[in-house]
Amino acid sequence: MPSLQRVMPLLLLSFFAFPAHAATKAAVFPFDLHDAQQDGEIVPQYNPEDLRRLKLVADELKTLMEKDGKYAVVDLSSREKEVEAAAPFNQCNGCEVPIAKEAGADIAVTGFVDKVSDALINLAIVARDTKTGELTKTMSASINGNTDDLWLHGVRYLWRNRFNVEAPPK
């Protein structure tokens, strides 16, 4: 018992002296869509199911980030007009960074779906550092089919095998 009394203060001291690593704050923006079947149209008529799936995969990425504990997803709802004005993010070369920085995020995360056909879809995710604007992560996956399960499989694959994996030191 006396040794426990000596060890307990040291354990408490180490608990308070070494706080847990803070989660990286991430601003996850709505994903963008390019549908090759709409090329040449003055006013593209996107499939409502594809638009719903864009939100589905963005929400899934947010959920995966939150569950992991390494990331804390920043709420962008108060910046909705800025986000809409800046989109599409795959064409603006980092215009999401100032919005993410103002929201208190460490990284800005965007996604892009390139739908070549119902049988071939490419999903890409990009992360930028909000301090420098530099790309920190870029990844993509091909999806062979156009269902909720396949789109979710694509985003989960990227999360598990690309986004959530540290790059080897150079």
N, C-alpha and C. Protein backbone atom coordinates (compact mmCIF):
# COMPACT_ATOMS: atom_id res chain seq x y z
N MET A 1 0.81 -1.20 0.00
CA MET A 1 0.00 0.00 0.00
C MET A 1 0.86 1.27 0.00
N PRO A 2 1.96 1.34 0.77
CA PRO A 2 2.77 2.55 0.74
C PRO A 2 3.32 2.85 -0.64
N SER A 3 3.69 1.81 -1.41
CA SER A 3 4.23 2.06 -2.75
C SER A 3 3.15 2.63 -3.67
N LEU A 4 1.90 2.22 -3.49
CA LEU A 4 0.80 2.77 -4.28
C LEU A 4 0.61 4.25 -3.98
N GLN A 5 0.80 4.63 -2.72
CA GLN A 5 0.67 6.03 -2.34
C GLN A 5 1.77 6.87 -2.98
N ARG A 6 2.93 6.29 -3.20
CA ARG A 6 4.02 7.03 -3.84
C ARG A 6 3.83 7.10 -5.35
N VAL A 7 3.26 6.07 -5.94
CA VAL A 7 3.09 6.00 -7.40
C VAL A 7 1.91 6.84 -7.87
N MET A 8 0.84 6.89 -7.11
CA MET A 8 -0.38 7.59 -7.52
C MET A 8 -0.13 9.06 -7.86
N PRO A 9 0.60 9.83 -7.05
CA PRO A 9 0.86 11.22 -7.45
C PRO A 9 1.63 11.33 -8.77
N LEU A 10 2.54 10.40 -9.01
CA LEU A 10 3.28 10.41 -10.27
C LEU A 10 2.37 10.13 -11.46
N LEU A 11 1.44 9.20 -11.29
CA LEU A 11 0.48 8.90 -12.36
C LEU A 11 -0.40 10.12 -12.65
N LEU A 12 -0.87 10.75 -11.61
CA LEU A 12 -1.71 11.95 -11.80
C LEU A 12 -0.92 13.07 -12.47
N LEU A 13 0.32 13.25 -12.05
CA LEU A 13 1.16 14.27 -12.64
C LEU A 13 1.38 14.00 -14.13
N SER A 14 1.67 12.75 -14.49
CA SER A 14 1.89 12.43 -15.89
C SER A 14 0.63 12.62 -16.72
N PHE A 15 -0.53 12.37 -16.12
CA PHE A 15 -1.80 12.56 -16.83
C PHE A 15 -2.00 14.02 -17.20
N PHE A 16 -1.69 14.93 -16.29
CA PHE A 16 -1.90 16.35 -16.54
C PHE A 16 -0.72 16.99 -17.27
N ALA A 17 0.46 16.45 -17.11
CA ALA A 17 1.65 17.03 -17.75
C ALA A 17 1.71 16.72 -19.24
N PHE A 18 1.10 15.60 -19.67
CA PHE A 18 1.16 15.20 -21.06
C PHE A 18 -0.25 15.08 -21.61
N PRO A 19 -0.85 16.20 -22.01
CA PRO A 19 -2.23 16.13 -22.51
C PRO A 19 -2.31 15.33 -23.80
N ALA A 20 -3.48 14.80 -24.07
CA ALA A 20 -3.70 14.03 -25.30
C ALA A 20 -3.48 14.93 -26.52
N HIS A 21 -3.03 14.32 -27.60
CA HIS A 21 -2.80 15.04 -28.84
C HIS A 21 -4.13 15.61 -29.36
N ALA A 22 -4.12 16.89 -29.66
CA ALA A 22 -5.35 17.54 -30.14
C ALA A 22 -5.68 17.05 -31.55
N ALA A 23 -6.94 16.88 -31.81
CA ALA A 23 -7.40 16.43 -33.12
C ALA A 23 -7.19 17.54 -34.15
N THR A 24 -6.85 17.15 -35.36
CA THR A 24 -6.73 18.09 -36.47
C THR A 24 -8.13 18.54 -36.87
N LYS A 25 -8.33 19.84 -36.92
CA LYS A 25 -9.64 20.38 -37.30
C LYS A 25 -9.75 20.39 -38.81
N ALA A 26 -10.81 19.75 -39.32
CA ALA A 26 -10.98 19.59 -40.77
C ALA A 26 -12.29 20.21 -41.23
N ALA A 27 -12.20 21.04 -42.25
CA ALA A 27 -13.39 21.57 -42.91
C ALA A 27 -13.63 20.72 -44.15
N VAL A 28 -14.71 19.97 -44.15
CA VAL A 28 -15.04 19.10 -45.28
C VAL A 28 -16.12 19.79 -46.10
N PHE A 29 -15.76 20.14 -47.32
CA PHE A 29 -16.66 20.89 -48.22
C PHE A 29 -17.54 19.93 -49.01
N PRO A 30 -18.66 20.45 -49.52
CA PRO A 30 -19.50 19.61 -50.39
C PRO A 30 -18.69 19.13 -51.60
N PHE A 31 -18.92 17.90 -52.00
CA PHE A 31 -18.21 17.33 -53.13
C PHE A 31 -18.77 17.88 -54.43
N ASP A 32 -17.91 17.98 -55.44
CA ASP A 32 -18.29 18.45 -56.77
C ASP A 32 -18.52 17.28 -57.70
N LEU A 33 -19.28 17.52 -58.77
CA LEU A 33 -19.62 16.48 -59.74
C LEU A 33 -19.39 16.96 -61.16
N HIS A 34 -18.76 16.11 -61.95
CA HIS A 34 -18.71 16.29 -63.41
C HIS A 34 -19.36 15.06 -64.01
N ASP A 35 -20.40 15.26 -64.78
CA ASP A 35 -21.10 14.16 -65.45
C ASP A 35 -20.86 14.31 -66.94
N ALA A 36 -20.06 13.42 -67.51
CA ALA A 36 -19.70 13.49 -68.93
C ALA A 36 -20.93 13.45 -69.83
N GLN A 37 -22.00 12.82 -69.35
CA GLN A 37 -23.23 12.76 -70.14
C GLN A 37 -23.87 14.14 -70.29
N GLN A 38 -23.46 15.09 -69.45
CA GLN A 38 -24.01 16.45 -69.50
C GLN A 38 -23.10 17.43 -70.26
N ASP A 39 -21.95 16.94 -70.73
CA ASP A 39 -21.04 17.81 -71.48
C ASP A 39 -21.75 18.39 -72.69
N GLY A 40 -21.57 19.66 -72.91
CA GLY A 40 -22.18 20.32 -74.06
C GLY A 40 -23.55 20.91 -73.76
N GLU A 41 -24.13 20.56 -72.63
CA GLU A 41 -25.43 21.10 -72.25
C GLU A 41 -25.25 22.52 -71.69
N ILE A 42 -26.11 23.42 -72.11
CA ILE A 42 -26.04 24.79 -71.58
C ILE A 42 -26.38 24.79 -70.09
N VAL A 43 -27.44 24.09 -69.74
CA VAL A 43 -27.84 23.94 -68.34
C VAL A 43 -27.86 22.44 -68.03
N PRO A 44 -26.78 21.94 -67.41
CA PRO A 44 -26.73 20.50 -67.11
C PRO A 44 -27.90 20.08 -66.22
N GLN A 45 -28.44 18.92 -66.51
CA GLN A 45 -29.53 18.34 -65.72
C GLN A 45 -28.98 17.12 -64.99
N TYR A 46 -28.38 17.35 -63.83
CA TYR A 46 -27.77 16.26 -63.09
C TYR A 46 -28.83 15.34 -62.52
N ASN A 47 -28.49 14.06 -62.48
CA ASN A 47 -29.36 13.05 -61.92
C ASN A 47 -29.50 13.32 -60.42
N PRO A 48 -30.72 13.46 -59.91
CA PRO A 48 -30.90 13.71 -58.47
C PRO A 48 -30.27 12.63 -57.59
N GLU A 49 -30.22 11.39 -58.07
CA GLU A 49 -29.59 10.31 -57.30
C GLU A 49 -28.08 10.55 -57.17
N ASP A 50 -27.45 11.06 -58.22
CA ASP A 50 -26.02 11.37 -58.15
C ASP A 50 -25.76 12.50 -57.18
N LEU A 51 -26.61 13.51 -57.19
CA LEU A 51 -26.46 14.64 -56.27
C LEU A 51 -26.64 14.17 -54.82
N ARG A 52 -27.58 13.27 -54.61
CA ARG A 52 -27.79 12.71 -53.27
C ARG A 52 -26.56 11.91 -52.84
N ARG A 53 -25.98 11.16 -53.78
CA ARG A 53 -24.80 10.35 -53.46
C ARG A 53 -23.59 11.22 -53.14
N LEU A 54 -23.50 12.39 -53.77
CA LEU A 54 -22.41 13.32 -53.43
C LEU A 54 -22.46 13.66 -51.95
N LYS A 55 -23.65 13.99 -51.47
CA LYS A 55 -23.83 14.32 -50.06
C LYS A 55 -23.57 13.08 -49.20
N LEU A 56 -24.02 11.93 -49.66
CA LEU A 56 -23.83 10.68 -48.92
C LEU A 56 -22.35 10.41 -48.67
N VAL A 57 -21.52 10.51 -49.71
CA VAL A 57 -20.10 10.19 -49.53
C VAL A 57 -19.38 11.27 -48.72
N ALA A 58 -19.76 12.54 -48.88
CA ALA A 58 -19.15 13.60 -48.07
C ALA A 58 -19.50 13.39 -46.60
N ASP A 59 -20.75 13.05 -46.32
CA ASP A 59 -21.17 12.79 -44.94
C ASP A 59 -20.46 11.56 -44.38
N GLU A 60 -20.27 10.55 -45.20
CA GLU A 60 -19.56 9.34 -44.75
C GLU A 60 -18.12 9.68 -44.40
N LEU A 61 -17.48 10.50 -45.21
CA LEU A 61 -16.10 10.90 -44.90
C LEU A 61 -16.06 11.64 -43.56
N LYS A 62 -16.99 12.54 -43.33
CA LYS A 62 -17.05 13.26 -42.06
C LYS A 62 -17.21 12.29 -40.89
N THR A 63 -18.10 11.31 -41.06
CA THR A 63 -18.34 10.32 -40.01
C THR A 63 -17.07 9.52 -39.72
N LEU A 64 -16.39 9.09 -40.77
CA LEU A 64 -15.15 8.32 -40.59
C LEU A 64 -14.09 9.16 -39.88
N MET A 65 -14.00 10.43 -40.22
CA MET A 65 -13.02 11.31 -39.59
C MET A 65 -13.32 11.49 -38.10
N GLU A 66 -14.58 11.72 -37.78
CA GLU A 66 -14.97 11.91 -36.38
C GLU A 66 -14.74 10.65 -35.56
N LYS A 67 -15.11 9.49 -36.12
CA LYS A 67 -14.95 8.22 -35.39
C LYS A 67 -13.49 7.91 -35.10
N ASP A 68 -12.61 8.30 -36.01
CA ASP A 68 -11.20 8.00 -35.87
C ASP A 68 -10.57 8.71 -34.67
N GLY A 69 -11.03 9.92 -34.40
CA GLY A 69 -10.49 10.68 -33.29
C GLY A 69 -9.30 11.55 -33.64
N LYS A 70 -8.66 11.33 -34.78
CA LYS A 70 -7.54 12.17 -35.20
C LYS A 70 -8.04 13.49 -35.77
N TYR A 71 -9.30 13.52 -36.16
CA TYR A 71 -9.87 14.70 -36.80
C TYR A 71 -11.13 15.15 -36.08
N ALA A 72 -11.32 16.46 -36.07
CA ALA A 72 -12.56 17.05 -35.58
C ALA A 72 -13.13 17.85 -36.75
N VAL A 73 -14.31 17.50 -37.20
CA VAL A 73 -14.91 18.15 -38.37
C VAL A 73 -15.52 19.48 -37.94
N VAL A 74 -15.14 20.53 -38.65
CA VAL A 74 -15.60 21.89 -38.38
C VAL A 74 -16.93 22.11 -39.10
N ASP A 75 -17.86 22.74 -38.43
CA ASP A 75 -19.17 23.04 -39.00
C ASP A 75 -19.06 24.25 -39.94
N LEU A 76 -19.45 24.06 -41.19
CA LEU A 76 -19.39 25.13 -42.19
C LEU A 76 -20.76 25.74 -42.48
N SER A 77 -21.79 25.35 -41.73
CA SER A 77 -23.15 25.81 -42.05
C SER A 77 -23.29 27.32 -41.97
N SER A 78 -22.54 27.99 -41.13
CA SER A 78 -22.63 29.45 -41.04
C SER A 78 -21.96 30.14 -42.23
N ARG A 79 -21.22 29.40 -43.03
CA ARG A 79 -20.52 29.95 -44.20
C ARG A 79 -21.10 29.40 -45.51
N GLU A 80 -22.35 29.00 -45.46
CA GLU A 80 -23.00 28.35 -46.60
C GLU A 80 -22.95 29.20 -47.87
N LYS A 81 -23.19 30.51 -47.75
CA LYS A 81 -23.18 31.39 -48.93
C LYS A 81 -21.78 31.50 -49.52
N GLU A 82 -20.77 31.59 -48.68
CA GLU A 82 -19.38 31.63 -49.15
C GLU A 82 -19.01 30.33 -49.87
N VAL A 83 -19.45 29.23 -49.30
CA VAL A 83 -19.15 27.91 -49.87
C VAL A 83 -19.81 27.79 -51.24
N GLU A 84 -21.07 28.15 -51.34
CA GLU A 84 -21.78 28.08 -52.63
C GLU A 84 -21.15 28.98 -53.67
N ALA A 85 -20.72 30.18 -53.27
CA ALA A 85 -20.12 31.13 -54.22
C ALA A 85 -18.76 30.63 -54.72
N ALA A 86 -18.01 29.94 -53.88
CA ALA A 86 -16.67 29.48 -54.25
C ALA A 86 -16.68 28.21 -55.11
N ALA A 87 -17.73 27.39 -54.97
CA ALA A 87 -17.79 26.12 -55.70
C ALA A 87 -17.87 26.36 -57.20
N PRO A 88 -17.39 25.46 -58.02
CA PRO A 88 -16.85 24.13 -57.72
C PRO A 88 -15.38 24.22 -57.29
N PHE A 89 -15.05 23.48 -56.26
CA PHE A 89 -13.73 23.55 -55.65
C PHE A 89 -12.65 22.87 -56.47
N ASN A 90 -13.03 21.94 -57.33
CA ASN A 90 -12.02 21.28 -58.16
C ASN A 90 -11.49 22.20 -59.25
N GLN A 91 -12.09 23.38 -59.41
CA GLN A 91 -11.66 24.31 -60.45
C GLN A 91 -11.11 25.63 -59.91
N CYS A 92 -11.07 25.80 -58.59
CA CYS A 92 -10.72 27.13 -58.05
C CYS A 92 -9.33 27.21 -57.45
N ASN A 93 -8.56 26.13 -57.49
CA ASN A 93 -7.17 26.13 -57.06
C ASN A 93 -6.96 26.66 -55.64
N GLY A 94 -7.71 26.09 -54.70
CA GLY A 94 -7.48 26.42 -53.30
C GLY A 94 -8.36 27.51 -52.71
N CYS A 95 -9.42 27.90 -53.42
CA CYS A 95 -10.28 28.97 -52.90
C CYS A 95 -11.01 28.56 -51.62
N GLU A 96 -11.02 27.27 -51.31
CA GLU A 96 -11.66 26.80 -50.08
C GLU A 96 -10.82 27.07 -48.84
N VAL A 97 -9.52 27.29 -49.03
CA VAL A 97 -8.60 27.44 -47.90
C VAL A 97 -8.97 28.63 -47.00
N PRO A 98 -9.20 29.83 -47.54
CA PRO A 98 -9.56 30.95 -46.64
C PRO A 98 -10.87 30.70 -45.87
N ILE A 99 -11.83 30.05 -46.52
CA ILE A 99 -13.09 29.75 -45.84
C ILE A 99 -12.83 28.79 -44.69
N ALA A 100 -12.05 27.76 -44.94
CA ALA A 100 -11.73 26.78 -43.90
C ALA A 100 -10.94 27.42 -42.77
N LYS A 101 -10.00 28.27 -43.12
CA LYS A 101 -9.17 28.94 -42.11
C LYS A 101 -10.03 29.83 -41.21
N GLU A 102 -10.94 30.59 -41.81
CA GLU A 102 -11.84 31.45 -41.03
C GLU A 102 -12.75 30.63 -40.11
N ALA A 103 -13.06 29.41 -40.53
CA ALA A 103 -13.90 28.53 -39.72
C ALA A 103 -13.10 27.84 -38.60
N GLY A 104 -11.80 28.07 -38.57
CA GLY A 104 -10.96 27.50 -37.52
C GLY A 104 -10.37 26.15 -37.85
N ALA A 105 -10.38 25.77 -39.12
CA ALA A 105 -9.87 24.45 -39.52
C ALA A 105 -8.37 24.48 -39.78
N ASP A 106 -7.74 23.34 -39.57
CA ASP A 106 -6.32 23.15 -39.89
C ASP A 106 -6.15 22.69 -41.33
N ILE A 107 -7.14 21.93 -41.82
CA ILE A 107 -7.10 21.44 -43.19
C ILE A 107 -8.45 21.67 -43.86
N ALA A 108 -8.40 21.86 -45.17
CA ALA A 108 -9.60 21.98 -46.00
C ALA A 108 -9.66 20.74 -46.87
N VAL A 109 -10.81 20.05 -46.84
CA VAL A 109 -10.96 18.80 -47.58
C VAL A 109 -12.06 18.96 -48.62
N THR A 110 -11.72 18.67 -49.88
CA THR A 110 -12.70 18.72 -50.96
C THR A 110 -12.75 17.37 -51.67
N GLY A 111 -13.86 17.14 -52.34
CA GLY A 111 -14.02 15.90 -53.09
C GLY A 111 -14.59 16.19 -54.46
N PHE A 112 -14.30 15.29 -55.38
CA PHE A 112 -14.74 15.46 -56.75
C PHE A 112 -15.10 14.10 -57.33
N VAL A 113 -16.27 14.03 -57.93
CA VAL A 113 -16.71 12.81 -58.60
C VAL A 113 -16.78 13.10 -60.09
N ASP A 114 -16.05 12.31 -60.87
CA ASP A 114 -16.06 12.42 -62.33
C ASP A 114 -16.81 11.20 -62.85
N LYS A 115 -18.05 11.43 -63.27
CA LYS A 115 -18.90 10.34 -63.75
C LYS A 115 -18.76 10.25 -65.26
N VAL A 116 -17.98 9.28 -65.71
CA VAL A 116 -17.78 9.06 -67.13
C VAL A 116 -19.03 8.39 -67.71
N SER A 117 -19.57 7.42 -66.97
CA SER A 117 -20.81 6.73 -67.33
C SER A 117 -21.34 6.08 -66.06
N ASP A 118 -22.47 5.41 -66.16
CA ASP A 118 -22.98 4.70 -64.99
C ASP A 118 -22.09 3.53 -64.60
N ALA A 119 -21.22 3.10 -65.51
CA ALA A 119 -20.34 1.98 -65.23
C ALA A 119 -18.94 2.41 -64.79
N LEU A 120 -18.58 3.68 -64.98
CA LEU A 120 -17.23 4.15 -64.63
C LEU A 120 -17.29 5.52 -63.98
N ILE A 121 -16.94 5.54 -62.71
CA ILE A 121 -16.97 6.76 -61.91
C ILE A 121 -15.64 6.87 -61.18
N ASN A 122 -15.08 8.07 -61.15
CA ASN A 122 -13.83 8.31 -60.42
C ASN A 122 -14.14 9.24 -59.25
N LEU A 123 -13.63 8.88 -58.07
CA LEU A 123 -13.81 9.67 -56.86
C LEU A 123 -12.45 10.16 -56.40
N ALA A 124 -12.33 11.46 -56.20
CA ALA A 124 -11.06 12.03 -55.75
C ALA A 124 -11.30 12.85 -54.49
N ILE A 125 -10.32 12.83 -53.59
CA ILE A 125 -10.36 13.63 -52.36
C ILE A 125 -9.03 14.35 -52.25
N VAL A 126 -9.11 15.62 -51.87
CA VAL A 126 -7.93 16.47 -51.75
C VAL A 126 -7.98 17.18 -50.40
N ALA A 127 -6.82 17.30 -49.75
CA ALA A 127 -6.72 18.07 -48.50
C ALA A 127 -5.62 19.11 -48.66
N ARG A 128 -5.90 20.30 -48.14
CA ARG A 128 -4.92 21.40 -48.16
C ARG A 128 -4.71 21.93 -46.75
N ASP A 129 -3.49 22.31 -46.46
CA ASP A 129 -3.16 22.94 -45.18
C ASP A 129 -3.70 24.37 -45.22
N THR A 130 -4.42 24.79 -44.18
CA THR A 130 -5.00 26.13 -44.21
C THR A 130 -3.99 27.23 -43.89
N LYS A 131 -2.85 26.86 -43.34
CA LYS A 131 -1.82 27.88 -43.07
C LYS A 131 -1.06 28.25 -44.34
N THR A 132 -0.78 27.24 -45.17
CA THR A 132 0.05 27.46 -46.35
C THR A 132 -0.71 27.37 -47.67
N GLY A 133 -1.85 26.70 -47.66
CA GLY A 133 -2.59 26.46 -48.90
C GLY A 133 -2.04 25.30 -49.70
N GLU A 134 -0.97 24.69 -49.21
CA GLU A 134 -0.34 23.59 -49.93
C GLU A 134 -1.17 22.32 -49.84
N LEU A 135 -1.11 21.53 -50.91
CA LEU A 135 -1.75 20.22 -50.91
C LEU A 135 -1.02 19.31 -49.92
N THR A 136 -1.78 18.63 -49.07
CA THR A 136 -1.17 17.68 -48.14
C THR A 136 -1.54 16.25 -48.48
N LYS A 137 -2.70 16.08 -49.12
CA LYS A 137 -3.14 14.74 -49.51
C LYS A 137 -3.93 14.84 -50.81
N THR A 138 -3.66 13.94 -51.72
CA THR A 138 -4.46 13.80 -52.94
C THR A 138 -4.64 12.31 -53.18
N MET A 139 -5.83 11.91 -53.54
CA MET A 139 -6.10 10.49 -53.74
C MET A 139 -7.30 10.32 -54.65
N SER A 140 -7.38 9.19 -55.32
CA SER A 140 -8.55 8.90 -56.15
C SER A 140 -8.75 7.39 -56.23
N ALA A 141 -9.99 7.04 -56.56
CA ALA A 141 -10.36 5.63 -56.72
C ALA A 141 -11.38 5.53 -57.83
N SER A 142 -11.33 4.44 -58.55
CA SER A 142 -12.33 4.16 -59.58
C SER A 142 -13.45 3.33 -58.99
N ILE A 143 -14.67 3.67 -59.39
CA ILE A 143 -15.85 2.94 -58.94
C ILE A 143 -16.50 2.37 -60.19
N ASN A 144 -16.72 1.09 -60.20
CA ASN A 144 -17.31 0.43 -61.37
C ASN A 144 -18.78 0.13 -61.11
N GLY A 145 -19.59 1.14 -61.23
CA GLY A 145 -21.02 1.00 -60.99
C GLY A 145 -21.56 2.25 -60.33
N ASN A 146 -22.86 2.38 -60.28
CA ASN A 146 -23.47 3.61 -59.81
C ASN A 146 -24.55 3.31 -58.76
N THR A 147 -24.09 2.81 -57.59
CA THR A 147 -25.01 2.53 -56.50
C THR A 147 -24.48 3.18 -55.22
N ASP A 148 -25.35 3.33 -54.25
CA ASP A 148 -24.93 3.88 -52.96
C ASP A 148 -23.78 3.06 -52.38
N ASP A 149 -23.94 1.74 -52.39
CA ASP A 149 -22.93 0.86 -51.81
C ASP A 149 -21.57 1.03 -52.48
N LEU A 150 -21.55 1.17 -53.80
CA LEU A 150 -20.28 1.31 -54.51
C LEU A 150 -19.63 2.67 -54.23
N TRP A 151 -20.41 3.73 -54.20
CA TRP A 151 -19.86 5.05 -53.88
C TRP A 151 -19.30 5.04 -52.46
N LEU A 152 -20.04 4.46 -51.52
CA LEU A 152 -19.58 4.37 -50.13
C LEU A 152 -18.32 3.50 -50.03
N HIS A 153 -18.28 2.42 -50.78
CA HIS A 153 -17.09 1.57 -50.80
C HIS A 153 -15.88 2.39 -51.26
N GLY A 154 -16.08 3.23 -52.28
CA GLY A 154 -14.99 4.07 -52.79
C GLY A 154 -14.45 5.04 -51.74
N VAL A 155 -15.34 5.74 -51.05
CA VAL A 155 -14.88 6.71 -50.05
C VAL A 155 -14.26 6.00 -48.85
N ARG A 156 -14.81 4.86 -48.47
CA ARG A 156 -14.23 4.10 -47.36
C ARG A 156 -12.85 3.54 -47.72
N TYR A 157 -12.70 3.10 -48.97
CA TYR A 157 -11.40 2.63 -49.43
C TYR A 157 -10.36 3.75 -49.35
N LEU A 158 -10.73 4.93 -49.85
CA LEU A 158 -9.79 6.05 -49.81
C LEU A 158 -9.45 6.43 -48.38
N TRP A 159 -10.44 6.43 -47.51
CA TRP A 159 -10.19 6.74 -46.10
C TRP A 159 -9.20 5.74 -45.50
N ARG A 160 -9.48 4.51 -45.66
CA ARG A 160 -8.71 3.44 -45.02
C ARG A 160 -7.30 3.31 -45.60
N ASN A 161 -7.17 3.45 -46.92
CA ASN A 161 -5.91 3.15 -47.58
C ASN A 161 -5.10 4.35 -48.05
N ARG A 162 -5.68 5.52 -48.03
CA ARG A 162 -4.96 6.71 -48.50
C ARG A 162 -5.02 7.86 -47.49
N PHE A 163 -6.22 8.29 -47.15
CA PHE A 163 -6.36 9.48 -46.32
C PHE A 163 -5.80 9.26 -44.92
N ASN A 164 -6.13 8.15 -44.32
CA ASN A 164 -5.79 7.90 -42.93
C ASN A 164 -4.46 7.18 -42.78
N VAL A 165 -3.65 7.18 -43.81
CA VAL A 165 -2.33 6.53 -43.77
C VAL A 165 -1.28 7.62 -43.89
N GLU A 166 -0.33 7.59 -42.98
CA GLU A 166 0.74 8.58 -43.03
C GLU A 166 1.71 8.24 -44.17
N ALA A 167 2.15 9.27 -44.86
CA ALA A 167 3.10 9.08 -45.94
C ALA A 167 4.45 8.67 -45.37
N PRO A 168 5.16 7.78 -46.06
CA PRO A 168 6.50 7.39 -45.56
C PRO A 168 7.45 8.58 -45.64
N PRO A 169 8.37 8.70 -44.70
CA PRO A 169 9.32 9.81 -44.75
C PRO A 169 10.19 9.74 -45.99
N LYS A 170 10.54 10.89 -46.51
CA LYS A 170 11.38 10.95 -47.73
C LYS A 170 12.84 10.93 -47.38
